[in-house]
Amino acid sequence: MSTLTIRLPEDAADRLKSLAKARGLSVNKLIERMTYEAIASFDTETRFRTMAAGADNSAALTILDRIDAAEAAR
């Protein structure tokens, strides 16, 4: 486990403490959860961009057309 020191403006630190308290968490646990959420979001975006770079645009548009047609049929 690593220990990090961060510098925040006082008002941001106070708001972070309030948020942690409102969620029933320590500031440490709140930061840990926010970190995992940010990493998961970054990983998802990275995978999407990688897949999109090698995508077949024509096939993707065909799939979207099928989804639109299915939605319209409802």
C-alpha atoms as a PDB file:
ATOM      1  CA  MET A   1       0.000   0.000   0.000  1.00  0.00           C
ATOM      2  CA  SER A   2       1.296   3.458  -0.879  1.00  0.00           C
ATOM      3  CA  THR A   3       0.965   6.651   1.074  1.00  0.00           C
ATOM      4  CA  LEU A   4       0.436   9.857  -0.899  1.00  0.00           C
ATOM      5  CA  THR A   5       0.379  13.459   0.233  1.00  0.00           C
ATOM      6  CA  ILE A   6      -1.839  15.805  -1.745  1.00  0.00           C
ATOM      7  CA  ARG A   7      -2.308  19.541  -1.539  1.00  0.00           C
ATOM      8  CA  LEU A   8      -5.812  20.927  -1.935  1.00  0.00           C
ATOM      9  CA  PRO A   9      -7.255  24.371  -1.471  1.00  0.00           C
ATOM     10  CA  GLU A  10      -8.812  24.600   1.986  1.00  0.00           C
ATOM     11  CA  ASP A  11     -12.358  24.903   0.646  1.00  0.00           C
ATOM     12  CA  ALA A  12     -11.925  21.786  -1.516  1.00  0.00           C
ATOM     13  CA  ALA A  13     -10.518  19.841   1.443  1.00  0.00           C
ATOM     14  CA  ASP A  14     -13.449  20.932   3.612  1.00  0.00           C
ATOM     15  CA  ARG A  15     -15.960  19.898   0.953  1.00  0.00           C
ATOM     16  CA  LEU A  16     -14.204  16.552   0.540  1.00  0.00           C
ATOM     17  CA  LYS A  17     -14.444  15.943   4.275  1.00  0.00           C
ATOM     18  CA  SER A  18     -18.143  16.860   4.211  1.00  0.00           C
ATOM     19  CA  LEU A  19     -18.765  14.501   1.296  1.00  0.00           C
ATOM     20  CA  ALA A  20     -16.983  11.646   3.073  1.00  0.00           C
ATOM     21  CA  LYS A  21     -18.997  12.265   6.236  1.00  0.00           C
ATOM     22  CA  ALA A  22     -22.276  12.401   4.290  1.00  0.00           C
ATOM     23  CA  ARG A  23     -21.465   9.023   2.740  1.00  0.00           C
ATOM     24  CA  GLY A  24     -20.394   7.515   6.046  1.00  0.00           C
ATOM     25  CA  LEU A  25     -16.809   7.057   4.882  1.00  0.00           C
ATOM     26  CA  SER A  26     -13.394   8.206   5.923  1.00  0.00           C
ATOM     27  CA  VAL A  27     -11.706  10.640   3.557  1.00  0.00           C
ATOM     28  CA  ASN A  28      -9.176   7.917   2.803  1.00  0.00           C
ATOM     29  CA  LYS A  29     -11.887   5.404   1.815  1.00  0.00           C
ATOM     30  CA  LEU A  30     -13.691   8.045  -0.269  1.00  0.00           C
ATOM     31  CA  ILE A  31     -10.497   8.872  -2.173  1.00  0.00           C
ATOM     32  CA  GLU A  32      -9.823   5.148  -2.651  1.00  0.00           C
ATOM     33  CA  ARG A  33     -13.289   4.601  -4.160  1.00  0.00           C
ATOM     34  CA  MET A  34     -13.020   7.693  -6.356  1.00  0.00           C
ATOM     35  CA  THR A  35      -9.633   6.462  -7.562  1.00  0.00           C
ATOM     36  CA  TYR A  36     -11.017   3.066  -8.554  1.00  0.00           C
ATOM     37  CA  GLU A  37     -13.926   4.744 -10.364  1.00  0.00           C
ATOM     38  CA  ALA A  38     -11.536   7.022 -12.280  1.00  0.00           C
ATOM     39  CA  ILE A  39      -9.290   4.097 -13.227  1.00  0.00           C
ATOM     40  CA  ALA A  40     -12.284   2.000 -14.366  1.00  0.00           C
ATOM     41  CA  SER A  41     -13.538   4.917 -16.466  1.00  0.00           C
ATOM     42  CA  PHE A  42     -10.108   5.410 -18.036  1.00  0.00           C
ATOM     43  CA  ASP A  43      -9.784   1.688 -18.784  1.00  0.00           C
ATOM     44  CA  THR A  44     -13.244   1.620 -20.388  1.00  0.00           C
ATOM     45  CA  GLU A  45     -12.460   4.662 -22.529  1.00  0.00           C
ATOM     46  CA  THR A  46      -9.119   3.185 -23.563  1.00  0.00           C
ATOM     47  CA  ARG A  47     -10.735  -0.116 -24.586  1.00  0.00           C
ATOM     48  CA  PHE A  48     -13.468   1.720 -26.498  1.00  0.00           C
ATOM     49  CA  ARG A  49     -10.955   3.906 -28.351  1.00  0.00           C
ATOM     50  CA  THR A  50      -8.849   0.849 -29.228  1.00  0.00           C
ATOM     51  CA  MET A  51     -11.877  -1.024 -30.548  1.00  0.00           C
ATOM     52  CA  ALA A  52     -13.152   2.057 -32.403  1.00  0.00           C
ATOM     53  CA  ALA A  53      -9.798   2.549 -34.121  1.00  0.00           C
ATOM     54  CA  GLY A  54     -10.087  -0.859 -35.764  1.00  0.00           C
ATOM     55  CA  ALA A  55     -13.833  -0.803 -36.294  1.00  0.00           C
ATOM     56  CA  ASP A  56     -15.700  -1.428 -39.495  1.00  0.00           C
ATOM     57  CA  ASN A  57     -17.828   1.721 -39.801  1.00  0.00           C
ATOM     58  CA  SER A  58     -20.227   0.123 -42.246  1.00  0.00           C
ATOM     59  CA  ALA A  59     -20.912  -2.797 -39.905  1.00  0.00           C
ATOM     60  CA  ALA A  60     -21.384  -0.432 -36.967  1.00  0.00           C
ATOM     61  CA  LEU A  61     -23.912   1.648 -38.889  1.00  0.00           C
ATOM     62  CA  THR A  62     -25.784  -1.510 -39.886  1.00  0.00           C
ATOM     63  CA  ILE A  63     -26.046  -2.514 -36.245  1.00  0.00           C
ATOM     64  CA  LEU A  64     -27.281   0.961 -35.278  1.00  0.00           C
ATOM     65  CA  ASP A  65     -29.892   0.806 -38.041  1.00  0.00           C
ATOM     66  CA  ARG A  66     -31.115  -2.544 -36.684  1.00  0.00           C
ATOM     67  CA  ILE A  67     -31.363  -1.075 -33.186  1.00  0.00           C
ATOM     68  CA  ASP A  68     -33.323   1.911 -34.516  1.00  0.00           C
ATOM     69  CA  ALA A  69     -35.672  -0.402 -36.393  1.00  0.00           C
ATOM     70  CA  ALA A  70     -36.238  -2.556 -33.308  1.00  0.00           C
ATOM     71  CA  GLU A  71     -36.980   0.545 -31.208  1.00  0.00           C
ATOM     72  CA  ALA A  72     -39.401   1.874 -33.828  1.00  0.00           C
ATOM     73  CA  ALA A  73     -41.237  -1.462 -33.873  1.00  0.00           C
ATOM     74  CA  ARG A  74     -42.012  -1.231 -30.145  1.00  0.00           C
END
